[in-house]
Amino acid sequence: MSVGRLWLGIVLAPLAWLVYLQTAYALVPLACRRPTAGMIGLPVIAVVAVALGAVAALTAWRSWRRISAMPSPPPTPTARAHFMALTGLGTSAFFLLVLIAGIVPLFFLPPCQ
């Protein structure tokens, strides 16, 4: 099991949320001046962020499944990898929910509200 994949499962979803949040806030003035650009740009960034969060969750899920198949008594490197995979899965799932909760208002409120 690659340590890089384990870390990817842990940090990619929070980073996707952070980049989405900062970019969305930066685009709001543009969306207020040009509503068409805002109605295109904000959802595109949201979809990219959700896709990255889903990639993180899928990576963590695959890591967890692969490590769960390995027999190993704790505390070993496999046990640490198992913990990291579960942490990545939980983190990714949580931040996917946070991303979706932040995206829902895009469909009900105009950008300047």
N, C-alpha and C. Protein backbone atom coordinates (compact mmCIF):
# COMPACT_ATOMS: atom_id res chain seq x y z
N MET A 1 0.84 -1.18 0.00
CA MET A 1 0.00 0.00 0.00
C MET A 1 0.88 1.23 0.00
N SER A 2 0.60 2.14 -0.89
CA SER A 2 1.37 3.36 -1.05
C SER A 2 0.99 4.39 0.03
N VAL A 3 1.99 4.94 0.68
CA VAL A 3 1.75 5.96 1.69
C VAL A 3 1.14 7.21 1.03
N GLY A 4 1.54 7.49 -0.21
CA GLY A 4 0.98 8.63 -0.92
C GLY A 4 -0.52 8.51 -1.11
N ARG A 5 -0.99 7.32 -1.43
CA ARG A 5 -2.44 7.12 -1.60
C ARG A 5 -3.17 7.27 -0.28
N LEU A 6 -2.55 6.80 0.80
CA LEU A 6 -3.17 6.95 2.11
C LEU A 6 -3.31 8.43 2.47
N TRP A 7 -2.26 9.20 2.25
CA TRP A 7 -2.32 10.64 2.52
C TRP A 7 -3.28 11.35 1.58
N LEU A 8 -3.34 10.91 0.34
CA LEU A 8 -4.28 11.50 -0.62
C LEU A 8 -5.72 11.33 -0.13
N GLY A 9 -6.03 10.17 0.39
CA GLY A 9 -7.36 9.93 0.93
C GLY A 9 -7.68 10.79 2.13
N ILE A 10 -6.66 11.19 2.88
CA ILE A 10 -6.88 12.00 4.07
C ILE A 10 -6.98 13.49 3.73
N VAL A 11 -6.13 14.01 2.86
CA VAL A 11 -6.06 15.47 2.69
C VAL A 11 -6.74 16.02 1.44
N LEU A 12 -7.06 15.20 0.45
CA LEU A 12 -7.60 15.75 -0.80
C LEU A 12 -8.98 16.39 -0.62
N ALA A 13 -9.89 15.75 0.09
CA ALA A 13 -11.23 16.32 0.27
C ALA A 13 -11.21 17.64 1.05
N PRO A 14 -10.47 17.73 2.18
CA PRO A 14 -10.41 19.04 2.85
C PRO A 14 -9.77 20.12 1.99
N LEU A 15 -8.76 19.77 1.22
CA LEU A 15 -8.14 20.75 0.33
C LEU A 15 -9.10 21.18 -0.78
N ALA A 16 -9.87 20.23 -1.31
CA ALA A 16 -10.86 20.58 -2.34
C ALA A 16 -11.90 21.54 -1.77
N TRP A 17 -12.34 21.29 -0.55
CA TRP A 17 -13.30 22.19 0.09
C TRP A 17 -12.70 23.57 0.31
N LEU A 18 -11.46 23.62 0.78
CA LEU A 18 -10.80 24.90 1.02
C LEU A 18 -10.65 25.70 -0.26
N VAL A 19 -10.20 25.06 -1.32
CA VAL A 19 -10.03 25.75 -2.61
C VAL A 19 -11.39 26.19 -3.15
N TYR A 20 -12.41 25.33 -3.03
CA TYR A 20 -13.75 25.71 -3.49
C TYR A 20 -14.25 26.93 -2.74
N LEU A 21 -14.12 26.90 -1.42
CA LEU A 21 -14.64 28.00 -0.60
C LEU A 21 -13.96 29.32 -0.94
N GLN A 22 -12.64 29.31 -1.04
CA GLN A 22 -11.90 30.53 -1.34
C GLN A 22 -12.20 31.03 -2.75
N THR A 23 -12.26 30.13 -3.70
CA THR A 23 -12.54 30.52 -5.09
C THR A 23 -13.96 31.04 -5.23
N ALA A 24 -14.91 30.40 -4.57
CA ALA A 24 -16.30 30.86 -4.65
C ALA A 24 -16.44 32.26 -4.06
N TYR A 25 -15.80 32.52 -2.93
CA TYR A 25 -15.84 33.86 -2.35
C TYR A 25 -15.18 34.88 -3.27
N ALA A 26 -14.12 34.49 -3.93
CA ALA A 26 -13.44 35.41 -4.83
C ALA A 26 -14.28 35.71 -6.08
N LEU A 27 -15.10 34.76 -6.51
CA LEU A 27 -15.91 34.94 -7.71
C LEU A 27 -17.24 35.66 -7.47
N VAL A 28 -17.64 35.84 -6.22
CA VAL A 28 -18.93 36.47 -5.95
C VAL A 28 -19.02 37.89 -6.51
N PRO A 29 -18.00 38.75 -6.35
CA PRO A 29 -18.12 40.09 -6.96
C PRO A 29 -18.31 40.03 -8.48
N LEU A 30 -17.60 39.12 -9.13
CA LEU A 30 -17.77 38.95 -10.58
C LEU A 30 -19.19 38.46 -10.90
N ALA A 31 -19.68 37.55 -10.09
CA ALA A 31 -21.02 37.02 -10.32
C ALA A 31 -22.09 38.09 -10.12
N CYS A 32 -21.84 39.03 -9.23
CA CYS A 32 -22.81 40.12 -9.02
C CYS A 32 -22.79 41.10 -10.20
N ARG A 33 -21.60 41.35 -10.75
CA ARG A 33 -21.51 42.27 -11.89
C ARG A 33 -22.00 41.63 -13.17
N ARG A 34 -21.67 40.36 -13.36
CA ARG A 34 -22.06 39.62 -14.56
C ARG A 34 -22.75 38.33 -14.13
N PRO A 35 -24.04 38.36 -13.95
CA PRO A 35 -24.74 37.17 -13.45
C PRO A 35 -24.55 35.92 -14.30
N THR A 36 -24.40 36.09 -15.61
CA THR A 36 -24.21 34.91 -16.46
C THR A 36 -22.89 34.21 -16.14
N ALA A 37 -21.83 35.00 -15.96
CA ALA A 37 -20.52 34.41 -15.64
C ALA A 37 -20.56 33.72 -14.29
N GLY A 38 -21.26 34.33 -13.33
CA GLY A 38 -21.36 33.73 -12.00
C GLY A 38 -22.17 32.45 -12.00
N MET A 39 -23.21 32.42 -12.81
CA MET A 39 -24.05 31.23 -12.84
C MET A 39 -23.36 30.07 -13.54
N ILE A 40 -22.31 30.37 -14.29
CA ILE A 40 -21.52 29.31 -14.94
C ILE A 40 -20.32 28.95 -14.08
N GLY A 41 -19.59 29.97 -13.63
CA GLY A 41 -18.34 29.73 -12.91
C GLY A 41 -18.50 29.05 -11.57
N LEU A 42 -19.45 29.49 -10.77
CA LEU A 42 -19.62 28.91 -9.44
C LEU A 42 -20.01 27.43 -9.48
N PRO A 43 -20.98 27.03 -10.29
CA PRO A 43 -21.29 25.60 -10.34
C PRO A 43 -20.15 24.74 -10.91
N VAL A 44 -19.39 25.29 -11.85
CA VAL A 44 -18.27 24.52 -12.40
C VAL A 44 -17.24 24.23 -11.32
N ILE A 45 -16.92 25.25 -10.53
CA ILE A 45 -15.96 25.05 -9.44
C ILE A 45 -16.52 24.08 -8.41
N ALA A 46 -17.81 24.16 -8.16
CA ALA A 46 -18.45 23.24 -7.21
C ALA A 46 -18.37 21.80 -7.69
N VAL A 47 -18.62 21.58 -8.96
CA VAL A 47 -18.57 20.22 -9.51
C VAL A 47 -17.14 19.66 -9.44
N VAL A 48 -16.16 20.50 -9.75
CA VAL A 48 -14.76 20.06 -9.67
C VAL A 48 -14.41 19.69 -8.23
N ALA A 49 -14.84 20.50 -7.27
CA ALA A 49 -14.54 20.22 -5.87
C ALA A 49 -15.19 18.92 -5.40
N VAL A 50 -16.44 18.71 -5.79
CA VAL A 50 -17.12 17.47 -5.41
C VAL A 50 -16.43 16.27 -6.07
N ALA A 51 -16.00 16.43 -7.31
CA ALA A 51 -15.29 15.34 -7.99
C ALA A 51 -13.99 15.00 -7.26
N LEU A 52 -13.26 16.03 -6.84
CA LEU A 52 -12.02 15.78 -6.08
C LEU A 52 -12.31 15.11 -4.74
N GLY A 53 -13.38 15.53 -4.08
CA GLY A 53 -13.77 14.88 -2.83
C GLY A 53 -14.15 13.43 -3.05
N ALA A 54 -14.83 13.15 -4.16
CA ALA A 54 -15.20 11.77 -4.47
C ALA A 54 -13.97 10.92 -4.80
N VAL A 55 -13.00 11.52 -5.48
CA VAL A 55 -11.74 10.81 -5.76
C VAL A 55 -11.04 10.47 -4.45
N ALA A 56 -11.04 11.41 -3.51
CA ALA A 56 -10.42 11.15 -2.21
C ALA A 56 -11.13 10.01 -1.49
N ALA A 57 -12.45 10.04 -1.49
CA ALA A 57 -13.21 8.98 -0.82
C ALA A 57 -12.98 7.63 -1.49
N LEU A 58 -12.95 7.61 -2.81
CA LEU A 58 -12.71 6.36 -3.53
C LEU A 58 -11.31 5.82 -3.26
N THR A 59 -10.34 6.71 -3.22
CA THR A 59 -8.96 6.30 -2.92
C THR A 59 -8.87 5.72 -1.51
N ALA A 60 -9.50 6.39 -0.54
CA ALA A 60 -9.49 5.89 0.84
C ALA A 60 -10.23 4.56 0.94
N TRP A 61 -11.34 4.42 0.23
CA TRP A 61 -12.10 3.17 0.26
C TRP A 61 -11.28 2.01 -0.31
N ARG A 62 -10.64 2.26 -1.44
CA ARG A 62 -9.82 1.20 -2.05
C ARG A 62 -8.65 0.84 -1.14
N SER A 63 -8.04 1.83 -0.52
CA SER A 63 -6.93 1.57 0.40
C SER A 63 -7.41 0.73 1.58
N TRP A 64 -8.55 1.09 2.13
CA TRP A 64 -9.09 0.36 3.27
C TRP A 64 -9.42 -1.08 2.90
N ARG A 65 -10.03 -1.27 1.73
CA ARG A 65 -10.36 -2.63 1.29
C ARG A 65 -9.11 -3.47 1.08
N ARG A 66 -8.10 -2.88 0.46
CA ARG A 66 -6.87 -3.61 0.19
C ARG A 66 -6.15 -3.97 1.50
N ILE A 67 -6.13 -3.04 2.44
CA ILE A 67 -5.42 -3.28 3.70
C ILE A 67 -6.21 -4.24 4.57
N SER A 68 -7.53 -4.19 4.53
CA SER A 68 -8.35 -5.10 5.34
C SER A 68 -8.15 -6.55 4.94
N ALA A 69 -7.77 -6.79 3.70
CA ALA A 69 -7.55 -8.16 3.24
C ALA A 69 -6.23 -8.72 3.74
N MET A 70 -5.33 -7.85 4.23
CA MET A 70 -4.03 -8.31 4.72
C MET A 70 -4.14 -8.73 6.18
N PRO A 71 -3.74 -9.96 6.49
CA PRO A 71 -3.73 -10.37 7.90
C PRO A 71 -2.50 -9.78 8.59
N SER A 72 -2.73 -9.13 9.71
CA SER A 72 -1.61 -8.55 10.44
C SER A 72 -2.05 -8.17 11.84
N PRO A 73 -1.30 -8.60 12.85
CA PRO A 73 -1.65 -8.20 14.22
C PRO A 73 -1.14 -6.78 14.50
N PRO A 74 -1.90 -5.99 15.26
CA PRO A 74 -1.43 -4.65 15.59
C PRO A 74 -0.28 -4.74 16.59
N PRO A 75 0.52 -3.80 16.78
CA PRO A 75 0.79 -2.59 16.03
C PRO A 75 1.88 -2.83 14.99
N THR A 76 1.53 -2.82 13.78
CA THR A 76 2.45 -3.00 12.67
C THR A 76 2.23 -1.88 11.66
N PRO A 77 3.11 -1.79 10.67
CA PRO A 77 2.85 -0.81 9.62
C PRO A 77 1.52 -1.02 8.92
N THR A 78 1.06 -2.26 8.81
CA THR A 78 -0.23 -2.53 8.19
C THR A 78 -1.36 -1.97 9.04
N ALA A 79 -1.23 -2.08 10.37
CA ALA A 79 -2.26 -1.52 11.25
C ALA A 79 -2.30 0.00 11.12
N ARG A 80 -1.12 0.62 11.01
CA ARG A 80 -1.08 2.08 10.83
C ARG A 80 -1.71 2.46 9.50
N ALA A 81 -1.42 1.70 8.45
CA ALA A 81 -2.01 1.98 7.15
C ALA A 81 -3.52 1.79 7.19
N HIS A 82 -3.99 0.78 7.92
CA HIS A 82 -5.43 0.55 8.07
C HIS A 82 -6.08 1.75 8.74
N PHE A 83 -5.46 2.27 9.79
CA PHE A 83 -5.97 3.45 10.48
C PHE A 83 -6.00 4.66 9.55
N MET A 84 -4.93 4.84 8.78
CA MET A 84 -4.88 5.98 7.86
C MET A 84 -5.96 5.86 6.78
N ALA A 85 -6.20 4.65 6.30
CA ALA A 85 -7.23 4.46 5.28
C ALA A 85 -8.61 4.78 5.85
N LEU A 86 -8.89 4.33 7.07
CA LEU A 86 -10.18 4.64 7.69
C LEU A 86 -10.31 6.13 7.99
N THR A 87 -9.22 6.76 8.40
CA THR A 87 -9.24 8.20 8.64
C THR A 87 -9.53 8.94 7.34
N GLY A 88 -8.91 8.54 6.26
CA GLY A 88 -9.16 9.15 4.96
C GLY A 88 -10.60 8.97 4.51
N LEU A 89 -11.14 7.79 4.76
CA LEU A 89 -12.53 7.53 4.38
C LEU A 89 -13.49 8.42 5.16
N GLY A 90 -13.27 8.53 6.46
CA GLY A 90 -14.12 9.38 7.28
C GLY A 90 -13.98 10.85 6.93
N THR A 91 -12.74 11.31 6.74
CA THR A 91 -12.50 12.70 6.39
C THR A 91 -13.12 13.03 5.04
N SER A 92 -12.94 12.16 4.07
CA SER A 92 -13.49 12.40 2.74
C SER A 92 -15.01 12.44 2.78
N ALA A 93 -15.62 11.51 3.50
CA ALA A 93 -17.08 11.49 3.58
C ALA A 93 -17.60 12.76 4.25
N PHE A 94 -16.95 13.18 5.32
CA PHE A 94 -17.39 14.40 6.01
C PHE A 94 -17.27 15.62 5.10
N PHE A 95 -16.13 15.78 4.43
CA PHE A 95 -15.95 16.96 3.61
C PHE A 95 -16.78 16.91 2.32
N LEU A 96 -17.13 15.73 1.86
CA LEU A 96 -18.09 15.65 0.75
C LEU A 96 -19.45 16.20 1.19
N LEU A 97 -19.86 15.85 2.39
CA LEU A 97 -21.11 16.40 2.91
C LEU A 97 -21.03 17.92 3.08
N VAL A 98 -19.89 18.41 3.56
CA VAL A 98 -19.69 19.85 3.72
C VAL A 98 -19.74 20.55 2.35
N LEU A 99 -19.09 19.95 1.36
CA LEU A 99 -19.12 20.53 0.02
C LEU A 99 -20.54 20.57 -0.54
N ILE A 100 -21.27 19.50 -0.41
CA ILE A 100 -22.63 19.46 -0.93
C ILE A 100 -23.51 20.47 -0.19
N ALA A 101 -23.33 20.59 1.12
CA ALA A 101 -24.11 21.57 1.88
C ALA A 101 -23.78 22.99 1.45
N GLY A 102 -22.55 23.24 1.07
CA GLY A 102 -22.18 24.57 0.60
C GLY A 102 -22.63 24.86 -0.82
N ILE A 103 -22.89 23.81 -1.58
CA ILE A 103 -23.27 23.98 -2.99
C ILE A 103 -24.78 24.15 -3.13
N VAL A 104 -25.55 23.58 -2.25
CA VAL A 104 -27.02 23.63 -2.35
C VAL A 104 -27.54 25.06 -2.50
N PRO A 105 -27.03 26.05 -1.76
CA PRO A 105 -27.55 27.41 -1.93
C PRO A 105 -27.34 27.99 -3.34
N LEU A 106 -26.36 27.48 -4.08
CA LEU A 106 -26.14 27.97 -5.44
C LEU A 106 -27.38 27.78 -6.32
N PHE A 107 -28.17 26.77 -6.00
CA PHE A 107 -29.33 26.45 -6.82
C PHE A 107 -30.60 27.20 -6.38
N PHE A 108 -30.55 27.82 -5.21
CA PHE A 108 -31.75 28.48 -4.68
C PHE A 108 -31.60 29.99 -4.50
N LEU A 109 -30.37 30.47 -4.39
CA LEU A 109 -30.15 31.90 -4.14
C LEU A 109 -29.34 32.51 -5.26
N PRO A 110 -29.63 33.77 -5.61
CA PRO A 110 -28.78 34.45 -6.58
C PRO A 110 -27.41 34.73 -5.97
N PRO A 111 -26.37 34.92 -6.79
CA PRO A 111 -25.01 35.08 -6.28
C PRO A 111 -24.81 36.27 -5.35
N CYS A 112 -25.60 37.31 -5.50
CA CYS A 112 -25.40 38.52 -4.70
C CYS A 112 -26.10 38.50 -3.35
N GLN A 113 -26.78 37.45 -3.02
CA GLN A 113 -27.50 37.39 -1.74
C GLN A 113 -26.61 36.99 -0.61
